Amino acid sequence: MSSQLTQNQELPSAKKTTLFDRTFRDSEGKIVIAQIPNLPFLVGLAATLLQFLLPSGKIQITSELVAFGALFTWAWLELFDGVNYFRRALGLIVLVGIIVLKLNGSLDVNSL
């Protein structure tokens, strides 16, 4: 009788995870695409917005550096500590994007 019971029971740990699950679900099984912004993202966003309000000068350059550093930190954290493959890919895309934008911006200044 006990063998019949074990045959009919499904073990939750025996369930196979699919590529969709690894891409979009967190460790609790919830689909995660967006999350509440963390501190590096909020600082990066505020510093980026501040750049547009400030006149050219040392304060704007400082704001630009803070924005780059904070967004770089956020992207790095997502890349290596993201809850799923989608968040990690998002971190990689943002990391490459801000580096390319920074390189393009510095190349334009040097060509003048």
PDB file of N, CA and C in Angstrom:
ATOM      1  N   MET A   1       0.817  -1.193   0.000  1.00  0.00           N
ATOM      2  CA  MET A   1       0.000   0.000   0.000  1.00  0.00           C
ATOM      3  C   MET A   1       0.858   1.253   0.000  1.00  0.00           C
ATOM      4  N   SER A   2       1.953   1.218   0.743  1.00  0.00           N
ATOM      5  CA  SER A   2       2.798   2.404   0.781  1.00  0.00           C
ATOM      6  C   SER A   2       3.479   2.661  -0.553  1.00  0.00           C
ATOM      7  N   SER A   3       3.724   1.618  -1.338  1.00  0.00           N
ATOM      8  CA  SER A   3       4.330   1.829  -2.649  1.00  0.00           C
ATOM      9  C   SER A   3       3.351   2.509  -3.591  1.00  0.00           C
ATOM     10  N   GLN A   4       2.056   2.236  -3.419  1.00  0.00           N
ATOM     11  CA  GLN A   4       1.042   2.892  -4.222  1.00  0.00           C
ATOM     12  C   GLN A   4       0.973   4.381  -3.905  1.00  0.00           C
ATOM     13  N   LEU A   5       1.105   4.724  -2.659  1.00  0.00           N
ATOM     14  CA  LEU A   5       1.059   6.120  -2.256  1.00  0.00           C
ATOM     15  C   LEU A   5       2.256   6.889  -2.812  1.00  0.00           C
ATOM     16  N   THR A   6       3.414   6.293  -2.802  1.00  0.00           N
ATOM     17  CA  THR A   6       4.587   6.992  -3.310  1.00  0.00           C
ATOM     18  C   THR A   6       4.548   7.123  -4.819  1.00  0.00           C
ATOM     19  N   GLN A   7       3.879   6.208  -5.502  1.00  0.00           N
ATOM     20  CA  GLN A   7       3.762   6.325  -6.953  1.00  0.00           C
ATOM     21  C   GLN A   7       2.860   7.495  -7.328  1.00  0.00           C
ATOM     22  N   ASN A   8       1.807   7.709  -6.572  1.00  0.00           N
ATOM     23  CA  ASN A   8       0.847   8.759  -6.896  1.00  0.00           C
ATOM     24  C   ASN A   8       1.303  10.139  -6.447  1.00  0.00           C
ATOM     25  N   GLN A   9       2.277  10.186  -5.548  1.00  0.00           N
ATOM     26  CA  GLN A   9       2.757  11.480  -5.068  1.00  0.00           C
ATOM     27  C   GLN A   9       3.728  12.077  -6.070  1.00  0.00           C
ATOM     28  N   GLU A  10       3.589  13.366  -6.276  1.00  0.00           N
ATOM     29  CA  GLU A  10       4.551  14.078  -7.107  1.00  0.00           C
ATOM     30  C   GLU A  10       5.414  14.926  -6.198  1.00  0.00           C
ATOM     31  N   LEU A  11       6.688  14.794  -6.361  1.00  0.00           N
ATOM     32  CA  LEU A  11       7.606  15.594  -5.566  1.00  0.00           C
ATOM     33  C   LEU A  11       7.816  16.941  -6.240  1.00  0.00           C
ATOM     34  N   PRO A  12       7.640  18.044  -5.508  1.00  0.00           N
ATOM     35  CA  PRO A  12       7.822  19.360  -6.121  1.00  0.00           C
ATOM     36  C   PRO A  12       9.266  19.607  -6.540  1.00  0.00           C
ATOM     37  N   SER A  13      10.214  18.982  -5.865  1.00  0.00           N
ATOM     38  CA  SER A  13      11.617  19.189  -6.229  1.00  0.00           C
ATOM     39  C   SER A  13      11.991  18.452  -7.507  1.00  0.00           C
ATOM     40  N   ALA A  14      11.175  17.489  -7.910  1.00  0.00           N
ATOM     41  CA  ALA A  14      11.469  16.721  -9.114  1.00  0.00           C
ATOM     42  C   ALA A  14      11.003  17.443 -10.377  1.00  0.00           C
ATOM     43  N   LYS A  15      10.323  18.537 -10.240  1.00  0.00           N
ATOM     44  CA  LYS A  15       9.815  19.293 -11.389  1.00  0.00           C
ATOM     45  C   LYS A  15      10.979  19.917 -12.149  1.00  0.00           C
ATOM     46  N   LYS A  16      10.983  19.726 -13.463  1.00  0.00           N
ATOM     47  CA  LYS A  16      12.056  20.284 -14.285  1.00  0.00           C
ATOM     48  C   LYS A  16      11.794  21.765 -14.542  1.00  0.00           C
ATOM     49  N   THR A  17      12.864  22.546 -14.510  1.00  0.00           N
ATOM     50  CA  THR A  17      12.719  23.960 -14.831  1.00  0.00           C
ATOM     51  C   THR A  17      12.984  24.157 -16.315  1.00  0.00           C
ATOM     52  N   THR A  18      12.169  24.983 -16.922  1.00  0.00           N
ATOM     53  CA  THR A  18      12.309  25.248 -18.345  1.00  0.00           C
ATOM     54  C   THR A  18      13.148  26.513 -18.555  1.00  0.00           C
ATOM     55  N   LEU A  19      13.473  26.790 -19.790  1.00  0.00           N
ATOM     56  CA  LEU A  19      14.225  28.000 -20.119  1.00  0.00           C
ATOM     57  C   LEU A  19      13.412  29.241 -19.752  1.00  0.00           C
ATOM     58  N   PHE A  20      12.099  29.174 -19.950  1.00  0.00           N
ATOM     59  CA  PHE A  20      11.239  30.295 -19.560  1.00  0.00           C
ATOM     60  C   PHE A  20      11.348  30.560 -18.067  1.00  0.00           C
ATOM     61  N   ASP A  21      11.333  29.478 -17.272  1.00  0.00           N
ATOM     62  CA  ASP A  21      11.435  29.631 -15.819  1.00  0.00           C
ATOM     63  C   ASP A  21      12.759  30.271 -15.430  1.00  0.00           C
ATOM     64  N   ARG A  22      13.848  29.813 -16.014  1.00  0.00           N
ATOM     65  CA  ARG A  22      15.158  30.374 -15.684  1.00  0.00           C
ATOM     66  C   ARG A  22      15.282  31.819 -16.158  1.00  0.00           C
ATOM     67  N   THR A  23      14.599  32.145 -17.238  1.00  0.00           N
ATOM     68  CA  THR A  23      14.711  33.492 -17.799  1.00  0.00           C
ATOM     69  C   THR A  23      13.881  34.506 -17.033  1.00  0.00           C
ATOM     70  N   PHE A  24      12.689  34.152 -16.635  1.00  0.00           N
ATOM     71  CA  PHE A  24      11.774  35.147 -16.079  1.00  0.00           C
ATOM     72  C   PHE A  24      11.345  34.924 -14.631  1.00  0.00           C
ATOM     73  N   ARG A  25      11.635  33.791 -14.038  1.00  0.00           N
ATOM     74  CA  ARG A  25      11.183  33.527 -12.665  1.00  0.00           C
ATOM     75  C   ARG A  25      12.334  33.684 -11.673  1.00  0.00           C
ATOM     76  N   ASP A  26      11.976  34.123 -10.451  1.00  0.00           N
ATOM     77  CA  ASP A  26      12.979  34.210  -9.381  1.00  0.00           C
ATOM     78  C   ASP A  26      13.018  32.899  -8.601  1.00  0.00           C
ATOM     79  N   SER A  27      13.748  32.870  -7.516  1.00  0.00           N
ATOM     80  CA  SER A  27      13.900  31.644  -6.737  1.00  0.00           C
ATOM     81  C   SER A  27      12.597  31.199  -6.064  1.00  0.00           C
ATOM     82  N   GLU A  28      11.652  32.107  -5.915  1.00  0.00           N
ATOM     83  CA  GLU A  28      10.362  31.776  -5.309  1.00  0.00           C
ATOM     84  C   GLU A  28       9.321  31.369  -6.347  1.00  0.00           C
ATOM     85  N   GLY A  29       9.686  31.400  -7.624  1.00  0.00           N
ATOM     86  CA  GLY A  29       8.770  31.009  -8.689  1.00  0.00           C
ATOM     87  C   GLY A  29       7.945  32.146  -9.256  1.00  0.00           C
ATOM     88  N   LYS A  30       8.173  33.363  -8.808  1.00  0.00           N
ATOM     89  CA  LYS A  30       7.426  34.518  -9.307  1.00  0.00           C
ATOM     90  C   LYS A  30       8.094  35.058 -10.565  1.00  0.00           C
ATOM     91  N   ILE A  31       7.292  35.507 -11.516  1.00  0.00           N
ATOM     92  CA  ILE A  31       7.827  36.129 -12.724  1.00  0.00           C
ATOM     93  C   ILE A  31       8.292  37.530 -12.365  1.00  0.00           C
ATOM     94  N   VAL A  32       9.564  37.823 -12.653  1.00  0.00           N
ATOM     95  CA  VAL A  32      10.152  39.118 -12.309  1.00  0.00           C
ATOM     96  C   VAL A  32      10.728  39.747 -13.569  1.00  0.00           C
ATOM     97  N   ILE A  33      10.152  40.868 -13.966  1.00  0.00           N
ATOM     98  CA  ILE A  33      10.684  41.646 -15.085  1.00  0.00           C
ATOM     99  C   ILE A  33      11.163  42.989 -14.558  1.00  0.00           C
ATOM    100  N   ALA A  34      10.371  43.608 -13.715  1.00  0.00           N
ATOM    101  CA  ALA A  34      10.748  44.884 -13.098  1.00  0.00           C
ATOM    102  C   ALA A  34      10.685  44.730 -11.587  1.00  0.00           C
ATOM    103  N   GLN A  35      11.517  45.515 -10.907  1.00  0.00           N
ATOM    104  CA  GLN A  35      11.557  45.480  -9.453  1.00  0.00           C
ATOM    105  C   GLN A  35      11.516  46.900  -8.924  1.00  0.00           C
ATOM    106  N   ILE A  36      11.338  47.029  -7.626  1.00  0.00           N
ATOM    107  CA  ILE A  36      11.439  48.337  -6.985  1.00  0.00           C
ATOM    108  C   ILE A  36      12.884  48.801  -7.155  1.00  0.00           C
ATOM    109  N   PRO A  37      13.091  50.043  -7.609  1.00  0.00           N
ATOM    110  CA  PRO A  37      14.466  50.507  -7.838  1.00  0.00           C
ATOM    111  C   PRO A  37      15.297  50.497  -6.556  1.00  0.00           C
ATOM    112  N   ASN A  38      16.552  50.073  -6.696  1.00  0.00           N
ATOM    113  CA  ASN A  38      17.453  50.090  -5.544  1.00  0.00           C
ATOM    114  C   ASN A  38      18.245  51.399  -5.527  1.00  0.00           C
ATOM    115  N   LEU A  39      19.063  51.576  -4.501  1.00  0.00           N
ATOM    116  CA  LEU A  39      19.753  52.845  -4.279  1.00  0.00           C
ATOM    117  C   LEU A  39      20.664  53.264  -5.450  1.00  0.00           C
ATOM    118  N   PRO A  40      21.515  52.385  -5.996  1.00  0.00           N
ATOM    119  CA  PRO A  40      22.355  52.839  -7.116  1.00  0.00           C
ATOM    120  C   PRO A  40      21.544  53.330  -8.315  1.00  0.00           C
ATOM    121  N   PHE A  41      20.424  52.666  -8.601  1.00  0.00           N
ATOM    122  CA  PHE A  41      19.599  53.100  -9.731  1.00  0.00           C
ATOM    123  C   PHE A  41      18.976  54.464  -9.466  1.00  0.00           C
ATOM    124  N   LEU A  42      18.462  54.669  -8.250  1.00  0.00           N
ATOM    125  CA  LEU A  42      17.848  55.956  -7.917  1.00  0.00           C
ATOM    126  C   LEU A  42      18.863  57.096  -7.940  1.00  0.00           C
ATOM    127  N   VAL A  43      20.061  56.845  -7.411  1.00  0.00           N
ATOM    128  CA  VAL A  43      21.117  57.868  -7.429  1.00  0.00           C
ATOM    129  C   VAL A  43      21.521  58.168  -8.868  1.00  0.00           C
ATOM    130  N   GLY A  44      21.676  57.131  -9.695  1.00  0.00           N
ATOM    131  CA  GLY A  44      22.038  57.330 -11.100  1.00  0.00           C
ATOM    132  C   GLY A  44      20.982  58.114 -11.862  1.00  0.00           C
ATOM    133  N   LEU A  45      19.728  57.800 -11.622  1.00  0.00           N
ATOM    134  CA  LEU A  45      18.640  58.520 -12.288  1.00  0.00           C
ATOM    135  C   LEU A  45      18.596  59.979 -11.854  1.00  0.00           C
ATOM    136  N   ALA A  46      18.724  60.230 -10.549  1.00  0.00           N
ATOM    137  CA  ALA A  46      18.696  61.610 -10.040  1.00  0.00           C
ATOM    138  C   ALA A  46      19.881  62.413 -10.571  1.00  0.00           C
ATOM    139  N   ALA A  47      21.070  61.804 -10.588  1.00  0.00           N
ATOM    140  CA  ALA A  47      22.250  62.513 -11.076  1.00  0.00           C
ATOM    141  C   ALA A  47      22.153  62.774 -12.579  1.00  0.00           C
ATOM    142  N   THR A  48      21.569  61.847 -13.332  1.00  0.00           N
ATOM    143  CA  THR A  48      21.380  62.049 -14.772  1.00  0.00           C
ATOM    144  C   THR A  48      20.427  63.206 -15.027  1.00  0.00           C
ATOM    145  N   LEU A  49      19.329  63.253 -14.301  1.00  0.00           N
ATOM    146  CA  LEU A  49      18.373  64.355 -14.452  1.00  0.00           C
ATOM    147  C   LEU A  49      18.990  65.679 -14.022  1.00  0.00           C
ATOM    148  N   LEU A  50      19.817  65.648 -13.008  1.00  0.00           N
ATOM    149  CA  LEU A  50      20.476  66.854 -12.511  1.00  0.00           C
ATOM    150  C   LEU A  50      21.433  67.444 -13.545  1.00  0.00           C
ATOM    151  N   GLN A  51      22.027  66.599 -14.362  1.00  0.00           N
ATOM    152  CA  GLN A  51      22.944  67.075 -15.405  1.00  0.00           C
ATOM    153  C   GLN A  51      22.258  68.040 -16.366  1.00  0.00           C
ATOM    154  N   PHE A  52      20.989  67.767 -16.661  1.00  0.00           N
ATOM    155  CA  PHE A  52      20.268  68.610 -17.610  1.00  0.00           C
ATOM    156  C   PHE A  52      19.863  69.948 -17.012  1.00  0.00           C
ATOM    157  N   LEU A  53      19.796  70.026 -15.693  1.00  0.00           N
ATOM    158  CA  LEU A  53      19.393  71.258 -15.023  1.00  0.00           C
ATOM    159  C   LEU A  53      20.570  72.176 -14.700  1.00  0.00           C
ATOM    160  N   LEU A  54      21.755  71.580 -14.591  1.00  0.00           N
ATOM    161  CA  LEU A  54      22.925  72.356 -14.184  1.00  0.00           C
ATOM    162  C   LEU A  54      23.615  72.984 -15.391  1.00  0.00           C
ATOM    163  N   PRO A  55      24.167  74.193 -15.202  1.00  0.00           N
ATOM    164  CA  PRO A  55      24.969  74.776 -16.286  1.00  0.00           C
ATOM    165  C   PRO A  55      26.293  74.024 -16.410  1.00  0.00           C
ATOM    166  N   SER A  56      26.946  74.187 -17.536  1.00  0.00           N
ATOM    167  CA  SER A  56      28.241  73.533 -17.736  1.00  0.00           C
ATOM    168  C   SER A  56      29.222  73.991 -16.667  1.00  0.00           C
ATOM    169  N   GLY A  57      30.028  73.075 -16.208  1.00  0.00           N
ATOM    170  CA  GLY A  57      31.005  73.407 -15.182  1.00  0.00           C
ATOM    171  C   GLY A  57      31.356  72.202 -14.348  1.00  0.00           C
ATOM    172  N   LYS A  58      32.036  72.469 -13.251  1.00  0.00           N
ATOM    173  CA  LYS A  58      32.519  71.387 -12.404  1.00  0.00           C
ATOM    174  C   LYS A  58      31.384  70.606 -11.741  1.00  0.00           C
ATOM    175  N   ILE A  59      30.303  71.294 -11.380  1.00  0.00           N
ATOM    176  CA  ILE A  59      29.188  70.602 -10.727  1.00  0.00           C
ATOM    177  C   ILE A  59      28.512  69.646 -11.705  1.00  0.00           C
ATOM    178  N   GLN A  60      28.375  70.061 -12.949  1.00  0.00           N
ATOM    179  CA  GLN A  60      27.770  69.180 -13.942  1.00  0.00           C
ATOM    180  C   GLN A  60      28.668  67.975 -14.220  1.00  0.00           C
ATOM    181  N   ILE A  61      29.972  68.191 -14.280  1.00  0.00           N
ATOM    182  CA  ILE A  61      30.909  67.088 -14.502  1.00  0.00           C
ATOM    183  C   ILE A  61      30.850  66.109 -13.319  1.00  0.00           C
ATOM    184  N   THR A  62      30.761  66.647 -12.118  1.00  0.00           N
ATOM    185  CA  THR A  62      30.638  65.795 -10.933  1.00  0.00           C
ATOM    186  C   THR A  62      29.350  64.988 -10.980  1.00  0.00           C
ATOM    187  N   SER A  63      28.272  65.631 -11.378  1.00  0.00           N
ATOM    188  CA  SER A  63      26.991  64.939 -11.504  1.00  0.00           C
ATOM    189  C   SER A  63      27.075  63.843 -12.568  1.00  0.00           C
ATOM    190  N   GLU A  64      27.777  64.125 -13.649  1.00  0.00           N
ATOM    191  CA  GLU A  64      27.960  63.126 -14.709  1.00  0.00           C
ATOM    192  C   GLU A  64      28.747  61.917 -14.200  1.00  0.00           C
ATOM    193  N   LEU A  65      29.787  62.165 -13.422  1.00  0.00           N
ATOM    194  CA  LEU A  65      30.576  61.070 -12.867  1.00  0.00           C
ATOM    195  C   LEU A  65      29.775  60.248 -11.854  1.00  0.00           C
ATOM    196  N   VAL A  66      28.996  60.918 -11.033  1.00  0.00           N
ATOM    197  CA  VAL A  66      28.161  60.208 -10.061  1.00  0.00           C
ATOM    198  C   VAL A  66      27.123  59.354 -10.792  1.00  0.00           C
ATOM    199  N   ALA A  67      26.518  59.912 -11.830  1.00  0.00           N
ATOM    200  CA  ALA A  67      25.525  59.160 -12.601  1.00  0.00           C
ATOM    201  C   ALA A  67      26.152  57.932 -13.248  1.00  0.00           C
ATOM    202  N   PHE A  68      27.313  58.103 -13.861  1.00  0.00           N
ATOM    203  CA  PHE A  68      27.989  56.975 -14.496  1.00  0.00           C
ATOM    204  C   PHE A  68      28.345  55.913 -13.463  1.00  0.00           C
ATOM    205  N   GLY A  69      28.914  56.324 -12.341  1.00  0.00           N
ATOM    206  CA  GLY A  69      29.305  55.374 -11.302  1.00  0.00           C
ATOM    207  C   GLY A  69      28.123  54.616 -10.722  1.00  0.00           C
ATOM    208  N   ALA A  70      27.034  55.320 -10.471  1.00  0.00           N
ATOM    209  CA  ALA A  70      25.857  54.681  -9.883  1.00  0.00           C
ATOM    210  C   ALA A  70      25.196  53.719 -10.877  1.00  0.00           C
ATOM    211  N   LEU A  71      25.060  54.140 -12.137  1.00  0.00           N
ATOM    212  CA  LEU A  71      24.452  53.255 -13.134  1.00  0.00           C
ATOM    213  C   LEU A  71      25.356  52.068 -13.449  1.00  0.00           C
ATOM    214  N   PHE A  72      26.672  52.294 -13.440  1.00  0.00           N
ATOM    215  CA  PHE A  72      27.619  51.195 -13.619  1.00  0.00           C
ATOM    216  C   PHE A  72      27.468  50.189 -12.477  1.00  0.00           C
ATOM    217  N   THR A  73      27.362  50.685 -11.260  1.00  0.00           N
ATOM    218  CA  THR A  73      27.191  49.811 -10.094  1.00  0.00           C
ATOM    219  C   THR A  73      25.896  49.027 -10.187  1.00  0.00           C
ATOM    220  N   TRP A  74      24.805  49.695 -10.570  1.00  0.00           N
ATOM    221  CA  TRP A  74      23.519  49.019 -10.704  1.00  0.00           C
ATOM    222  C   TRP A  74      23.604  47.923 -11.764  1.00  0.00           C
ATOM    223  N   ALA A  75      24.184  48.248 -12.921  1.00  0.00           N
ATOM    224  CA  ALA A  75      24.284  47.266 -14.003  1.00  0.00           C
ATOM    225  C   ALA A  75      25.165  46.087 -13.589  1.00  0.00           C
ATOM    226  N   TRP A  76      26.253  46.362 -12.881  1.00  0.00           N
ATOM    227  CA  TRP A  76      27.151  45.303 -12.417  1.00  0.00           C
ATOM    228  C   TRP A  76      26.426  44.367 -11.436  1.00  0.00           C
ATOM    229  N   LEU A  77      25.672  44.964 -10.512  1.00  0.00           N
ATOM    230  CA  LEU A  77      24.925  44.156  -9.556  1.00  0.00           C
ATOM    231  C   LEU A  77      23.875  43.296 -10.252  1.00  0.00           C
ATOM    232  N   GLU A  78      23.182  43.858 -11.232  1.00  0.00           N
ATOM    233  CA  GLU A  78      22.190  43.082 -11.978  1.00  0.00           C
ATOM    234  C   GLU A  78      22.855  41.956 -12.763  1.00  0.00           C
ATOM    235  N   LEU A  79      24.004  42.255 -13.361  1.00  0.00           N
ATOM    236  CA  LEU A  79      24.699  41.260 -14.173  1.00  0.00           C
ATOM    237  C   LEU A  79      25.120  40.049 -13.349  1.00  0.00           C
ATOM    238  N   PHE A  80      25.609  40.264 -12.146  1.00  0.00           N
ATOM    239  CA  PHE A  80      26.131  39.154 -11.354  1.00  0.00           C
ATOM    240  C   PHE A  80      25.207  38.679 -10.236  1.00  0.00           C
ATOM    241  N   ASP A  81      24.240  39.496  -9.833  1.00  0.00           N
ATOM    242  CA  ASP A  81      23.334  39.100  -8.755  1.00  0.00           C
ATOM    243  C   ASP A  81      21.867  39.189  -9.152  1.00  0.00           C
ATOM    244  N   GLY A  82      21.574  39.296 -10.431  1.00  0.00           N
ATOM    245  CA  GLY A  82      20.191  39.403 -10.877  1.00  0.00           C
ATOM    246  C   GLY A  82      19.396  38.154 -10.519  1.00  0.00           C
ATOM    247  N   VAL A  83      18.091  38.305 -10.306  1.00  0.00           N
ATOM    248  CA  VAL A  83      17.266  37.194  -9.848  1.00  0.00           C
ATOM    249  C   VAL A  83      16.969  36.173 -10.943  1.00  0.00           C
ATOM    250  N   ASN A  84      17.116  36.569 -12.200  1.00  0.00           N
ATOM    251  CA  ASN A  84      16.877  35.639 -13.297  1.00  0.00           C
ATOM    252  C   ASN A  84      17.713  36.061 -14.512  1.00  0.00           C
ATOM    253  N   TYR A  85      17.646  35.272 -15.568  1.00  0.00           N
ATOM    254  CA  TYR A  85      18.454  35.554 -16.754  1.00  0.00           C
ATOM    255  C   TYR A  85      18.063  36.878 -17.413  1.00  0.00           C
ATOM    256  N   PHE A  86      16.774  37.223 -17.366  1.00  0.00           N
ATOM    257  CA  PHE A  86      16.334  38.486 -17.971  1.00  0.00           C
ATOM    258  C   PHE A  86      16.981  39.672 -17.275  1.00  0.00           C
ATOM    259  N   ARG A  87      16.986  39.675 -15.942  1.00  0.00           N
ATOM    260  CA  ARG A  87      17.591  40.780 -15.198  1.00  0.00           C
ATOM    261  C   ARG A  87      19.102  40.825 -15.425  1.00  0.00           C
ATOM    262  N   ARG A  88      19.727  39.676 -15.549  1.00  0.00           N
ATOM    263  CA  ARG A  88      21.171  39.637 -15.813  1.00  0.00           C
ATOM    264  C   ARG A  88      21.479  40.161 -17.205  1.00  0.00           C
ATOM    265  N   ALA A  89      20.647  39.803 -18.180  1.00  0.00           N
ATOM    266  CA  ALA A  89      20.835  40.320 -19.537  1.00  0.00           C
ATOM    267  C   ALA A  89      20.612  41.831 -19.562  1.00  0.00           C
ATOM    268  N   LEU A  90      19.634  42.306 -18.805  1.00  0.00           N
ATOM    269  CA  LEU A  90      19.386  43.744 -18.704  1.00  0.00           C
ATOM    270  C   LEU A  90      20.601  44.461 -18.129  1.00  0.00           C
ATOM    271  N   GLY A  91      21.216  43.880 -17.107  1.00  0.00           N
ATOM    272  CA  GLY A  91      22.435  44.453 -16.541  1.00  0.00           C
ATOM    273  C   GLY A  91      23.556  44.518 -17.560  1.00  0.00           C
ATOM    274  N   LEU A  92      23.723  43.456 -18.357  1.00  0.00           N
ATOM    275  CA  LEU A  92      24.765  43.442 -19.381  1.00  0.00           C
ATOM    276  C   LEU A  92      24.514  44.501 -20.444  1.00  0.00           C
ATOM    277  N   ILE A  93      23.277  44.620 -20.889  1.00  0.00           N
ATOM    278  CA  ILE A  93      22.931  45.609 -21.922  1.00  0.00           C
ATOM    279  C   ILE A  93      23.182  47.026 -21.417  1.00  0.00           C
ATOM    280  N   VAL A  94      22.764  47.313 -20.191  1.00  0.00           N
ATOM    281  CA  VAL A  94      22.972  48.654 -19.633  1.00  0.00           C
ATOM    282  C   VAL A  94      24.458  48.917 -19.423  1.00  0.00           C
ATOM    283  N   LEU A  95      25.197  47.932 -18.941  1.00  0.00           N
ATOM    284  CA  LEU A  95      26.631  48.090 -18.707  1.00  0.00           C
ATOM    285  C   LEU A  95      27.357  48.411 -20.012  1.00  0.00           C
ATOM    286  N   VAL A  96      27.097  47.648 -21.048  1.00  0.00           N
ATOM    287  CA  VAL A  96      27.729  47.905 -22.351  1.00  0.00           C
ATOM    288  C   VAL A  96      27.261  49.251 -22.902  1.00  0.00           C
ATOM    289  N   GLY A  97      25.976  49.554 -22.736  1.00  0.00           N
ATOM    290  CA  GLY A  97      25.434  50.809 -23.252  1.00  0.00           C
ATOM    291  C   GLY A  97      26.052  52.045 -22.620  1.00  0.00           C
ATOM    292  N   ILE A  98      26.196  52.059 -21.302  1.00  0.00           N
ATOM    293  CA  ILE A  98      26.756  53.254 -20.668  1.00  0.00           C
ATOM    294  C   ILE A  98      28.251  53.390 -20.963  1.00  0.00           C
ATOM    295  N   ILE A  99      28.939  52.268 -21.122  1.00  0.00           N
ATOM    296  CA  ILE A  99      30.363  52.350 -21.492  1.00  0.00           C
ATOM    297  C   ILE A  99      30.505  52.895 -22.908  1.00  0.00           C
ATOM    298  N   VAL A 100      29.684  52.417 -23.833  1.00  0.00           N
ATOM    299  CA  VAL A 100      29.733  52.919 -25.214  1.00  0.00           C
ATOM    300  C   VAL A 100      29.374  54.397 -25.263  1.00  0.00           C
ATOM    301  N   LEU A 101      28.332  54.793 -24.537  1.00  0.00           N
ATOM    302  CA  LEU A 101      27.958  56.214 -24.514  1.00  0.00           C
ATOM    303  C   LEU A 101      29.075  57.075 -23.932  1.00  0.00           C
ATOM    304  N   LYS A 102      29.724  56.587 -22.880  1.00  0.00           N
ATOM    305  CA  LYS A 102      30.823  57.338 -22.266  1.00  0.00           C
ATOM    306  C   LYS A 102      32.001  57.438 -23.233  1.00  0.00           C
ATOM    307  N   LEU A 103      32.317  56.361 -23.930  1.00  0.00           N
ATOM    308  CA  LEU A 103      33.410  56.390 -24.909  1.00  0.00           C
ATOM    309  C   LEU A 103      33.108  57.320 -26.077  1.00  0.00           C
ATOM    310  N   ASN A 104      31.866  57.278 -26.568  1.00  0.00           N
ATOM    311  CA  ASN A 104      31.483  58.173 -27.663  1.00  0.00           C
ATOM    312  C   ASN A 104      31.537  59.632 -27.229  1.00  0.00           C
ATOM    313  N   GLY A 105      31.105  59.896 -25.997  1.00  0.00           N
ATOM    314  CA  GLY A 105      31.132  61.266 -25.477  1.00  0.00           C
ATOM    315  C   GLY A 105      32.546  61.777 -25.309  1.00  0.00           C
ATOM    316  N   SER A 106      33.456  60.936 -24.852  1.00  0.00           N
ATOM    317  CA  SER A 106      34.832  61.374 -24.669  1.00  0.00           C
ATOM    318  C   SER A 106      35.561  61.504 -26.001  1.00  0.00           C
ATOM    319  N   LEU A 107      35.177  60.715 -26.992  1.00  0.00           N
ATOM    320  CA  LEU A 107      35.796  60.837 -28.314  1.00  0.00           C
ATOM    321  C   LEU A 107      35.362  62.134 -28.999  1.00  0.00           C
ATOM    322  N   ASP A 108      34.101  62.540 -28.793  1.00  0.00           N
ATOM    323  CA  ASP A 108      33.629  63.785 -29.400  1.00  0.00           C
ATOM    324  C   ASP A 108      34.362  64.989 -28.820  1.00  0.00           C
ATOM    325  N   VAL A 109      34.613  64.984 -27.526  1.00  0.00           N
ATOM    326  CA  VAL A 109      35.305  66.095 -26.872  1.00  0.00           C
ATOM    327  C   VAL A 109      36.741  66.177 -27.365  1.00  0.00           C
ATOM    328  N   ASN A 110      37.416  65.059 -27.523  1.00  0.00           N
ATOM    329  CA  ASN A 110      38.807  65.055 -27.961  1.00  0.00           C
ATOM    330  C   ASN A 110      38.955  65.463 -29.431  1.00  0.00           C
ATOM    331  N   SER A 111      37.946  65.257 -30.235  1.00  0.00           N
ATOM    332  CA  SER A 111      38.061  65.595 -31.655  1.00  0.00           C
ATOM    333  C   SER A 111      37.867  67.095 -31.911  1.00  0.00           C
ATOM    334  N   LEU A 112      37.384  67.836 -30.933  1.00  0.00           N
ATOM    335  CA  LEU A 112      37.187  69.286 -31.121  1.00  0.00           C
ATOM    336  C   LEU A 112      38.455  70.011 -31.099  1.00  0.00           C
TER     337      LEU A 112
END
